[in-house]
Amino acid sequence: MVLELERACYNEMERESMEYFYADEKELQRQRERIRQLENILTENGIPVPEES
């Protein structure tokens, strides 16, 4: 019984952590796309894209 409860808890923790992971990954993809769009706008207007530091 205890092992089943532990397993259920671990499964729920894993599910929640993956939910957060995918939400964060989606946000990162959205931010990368926005950066790409901004770089394109800068380039189209002859403005140099700042280098990463």
N, C-alpha and C. Protein backbone atom coordinates (compact mmCIF):
# COMPACT_ATOMS: atom_id res chain seq x y z
N MET A 1 0.82 -1.20 0.00
CA MET A 1 0.00 0.00 0.00
C MET A 1 0.86 1.26 0.00
N VAL A 2 1.89 1.29 0.84
CA VAL A 2 2.76 2.46 0.92
C VAL A 2 3.50 2.66 -0.41
N LEU A 3 3.98 1.56 -0.99
CA LEU A 3 4.68 1.67 -2.27
C LEU A 3 3.76 2.19 -3.37
N GLU A 4 2.53 1.79 -3.35
CA GLU A 4 1.56 2.26 -4.34
C GLU A 4 1.32 3.76 -4.18
N LEU A 5 1.23 4.20 -2.95
CA LEU A 5 1.04 5.62 -2.68
C LEU A 5 2.27 6.42 -3.11
N GLU A 6 3.45 5.91 -2.79
CA GLU A 6 4.68 6.58 -3.22
C GLU A 6 4.75 6.65 -4.75
N ARG A 7 4.43 5.55 -5.39
CA ARG A 7 4.47 5.51 -6.85
C ARG A 7 3.48 6.52 -7.43
N ALA A 8 2.30 6.59 -6.86
CA ALA A 8 1.29 7.55 -7.32
C ALA A 8 1.79 8.98 -7.13
N CYS A 9 2.44 9.24 -6.00
CA CYS A 9 3.00 10.58 -5.74
C CYS A 9 4.09 10.92 -6.74
N TYR A 10 4.99 9.98 -6.98
CA TYR A 10 6.07 10.21 -7.94
C TYR A 10 5.52 10.44 -9.34
N ASN A 11 4.50 9.67 -9.71
CA ASN A 11 3.89 9.86 -11.02
C ASN A 11 3.28 11.24 -11.16
N GLU A 12 2.61 11.69 -10.11
CA GLU A 12 1.99 13.01 -10.14
C GLU A 12 3.05 14.11 -10.18
N MET A 13 4.12 13.93 -9.41
CA MET A 13 5.22 14.91 -9.43
C MET A 13 5.85 14.97 -10.82
N GLU A 14 6.04 13.84 -11.43
CA GLU A 14 6.61 13.81 -12.78
C GLU A 14 5.68 14.49 -13.78
N ARG A 15 4.39 14.20 -13.68
CA ARG A 15 3.42 14.83 -14.58
C ARG A 15 3.44 16.34 -14.42
N GLU A 16 3.45 16.82 -13.18
CA GLU A 16 3.47 18.26 -12.94
C GLU A 16 4.77 18.89 -13.45
N SER A 17 5.89 18.23 -13.21
CA SER A 17 7.17 18.81 -13.66
C SER A 17 7.22 18.86 -15.18
N MET A 18 6.69 17.85 -15.86
CA MET A 18 6.67 17.87 -17.32
C MET A 18 5.72 18.96 -17.84
N GLU A 19 4.64 19.18 -17.12
CA GLU A 19 3.70 20.24 -17.49
C GLU A 19 4.41 21.59 -17.45
N TYR A 20 5.16 21.83 -16.37
CA TYR A 20 5.92 23.08 -16.26
C TYR A 20 6.99 23.15 -17.34
N PHE A 21 7.67 22.04 -17.58
CA PHE A 21 8.72 22.01 -18.59
C PHE A 21 8.17 22.41 -19.96
N TYR A 22 7.06 21.80 -20.36
CA TYR A 22 6.50 22.10 -21.68
C TYR A 22 5.97 23.53 -21.76
N ALA A 23 5.42 24.04 -20.69
CA ALA A 23 4.96 25.43 -20.68
C ALA A 23 6.16 26.37 -20.83
N ASP A 24 7.24 26.08 -20.12
CA ASP A 24 8.45 26.91 -20.23
C ASP A 24 9.06 26.80 -21.62
N GLU A 25 9.07 25.61 -22.18
CA GLU A 25 9.61 25.41 -23.52
C GLU A 25 8.79 26.19 -24.54
N LYS A 26 7.49 26.19 -24.39
CA LYS A 26 6.62 26.95 -25.29
C LYS A 26 6.92 28.44 -25.19
N GLU A 27 7.12 28.94 -23.98
CA GLU A 27 7.45 30.35 -23.78
C GLU A 27 8.81 30.69 -24.40
N LEU A 28 9.78 29.80 -24.23
CA LEU A 28 11.09 30.02 -24.85
C LEU A 28 10.98 30.09 -26.37
N GLN A 29 10.21 29.21 -26.95
CA GLN A 29 10.01 29.22 -28.40
C GLN A 29 9.37 30.53 -28.84
N ARG A 30 8.39 31.00 -28.06
CA ARG A 30 7.73 32.27 -28.38
C ARG A 30 8.72 33.44 -28.32
N GLN A 31 9.58 33.43 -27.30
CA GLN A 31 10.58 34.49 -27.17
C GLN A 31 11.62 34.42 -28.29
N ARG A 32 12.04 33.21 -28.67
CA ARG A 32 12.99 33.06 -29.78
C ARG A 32 12.41 33.59 -31.08
N GLU A 33 11.14 33.30 -31.31
CA GLU A 33 10.47 33.79 -32.52
C GLU A 33 10.40 35.31 -32.51
N ARG A 34 10.10 35.88 -31.37
CA ARG A 34 10.05 37.34 -31.26
C ARG A 34 11.43 37.96 -31.51
N ILE A 35 12.45 37.37 -30.97
CA ILE A 35 13.82 37.86 -31.21
C ILE A 35 14.14 37.79 -32.70
N ARG A 36 13.78 36.66 -33.34
CA ARG A 36 14.05 36.50 -34.77
C ARG A 36 13.33 37.60 -35.56
N GLN A 37 12.08 37.87 -35.22
CA GLN A 37 11.32 38.91 -35.90
C GLN A 37 11.96 40.29 -35.71
N LEU A 38 12.38 40.58 -34.48
CA LEU A 38 13.02 41.86 -34.21
C LEU A 38 14.35 42.00 -34.96
N GLU A 39 15.12 40.91 -35.02
CA GLU A 39 16.37 40.94 -35.78
C GLU A 39 16.11 41.21 -37.25
N ASN A 40 15.05 40.59 -37.79
CA ASN A 40 14.69 40.82 -39.19
C ASN A 40 14.32 42.28 -39.43
N ILE A 41 13.56 42.86 -38.52
CA ILE A 41 13.17 44.27 -38.65
C ILE A 41 14.40 45.16 -38.62
N LEU A 42 15.30 44.91 -37.69
CA LEU A 42 16.53 45.70 -37.62
C LEU A 42 17.32 45.59 -38.92
N THR A 43 17.50 44.37 -39.40
CA THR A 43 18.28 44.13 -40.61
C THR A 43 17.63 44.81 -41.81
N GLU A 44 16.31 44.69 -41.94
CA GLU A 44 15.60 45.32 -43.05
C GLU A 44 15.75 46.83 -43.07
N ASN A 45 15.99 47.42 -41.90
CA ASN A 45 16.12 48.86 -41.79
C ASN A 45 17.58 49.31 -41.68
N GLY A 46 18.49 48.39 -41.97
CA GLY A 46 19.91 48.73 -41.99
C GLY A 46 20.50 48.99 -40.62
N ILE A 47 19.89 48.49 -39.60
CA ILE A 47 20.38 48.68 -38.24
C ILE A 47 21.10 47.39 -37.83
N PRO A 48 22.35 47.50 -37.38
CA PRO A 48 23.07 46.29 -37.00
C PRO A 48 22.44 45.60 -35.80
N VAL A 49 22.43 44.29 -35.87
CA VAL A 49 21.90 43.49 -34.76
C VAL A 49 22.99 43.40 -33.69
N PRO A 50 22.65 43.77 -32.44
CA PRO A 50 23.67 43.68 -31.37
C PRO A 50 24.17 42.26 -31.20
N GLU A 51 25.45 42.13 -30.92
CA GLU A 51 26.05 40.82 -30.67
C GLU A 51 25.67 40.34 -29.28
N GLU A 52 25.58 39.04 -29.13
CA GLU A 52 25.33 38.47 -27.81
C GLU A 52 26.54 38.67 -26.93
N SER A 53 26.30 38.90 -25.65
CA SER A 53 27.44 39.07 -24.74
C SER A 53 27.52 37.96 -23.74
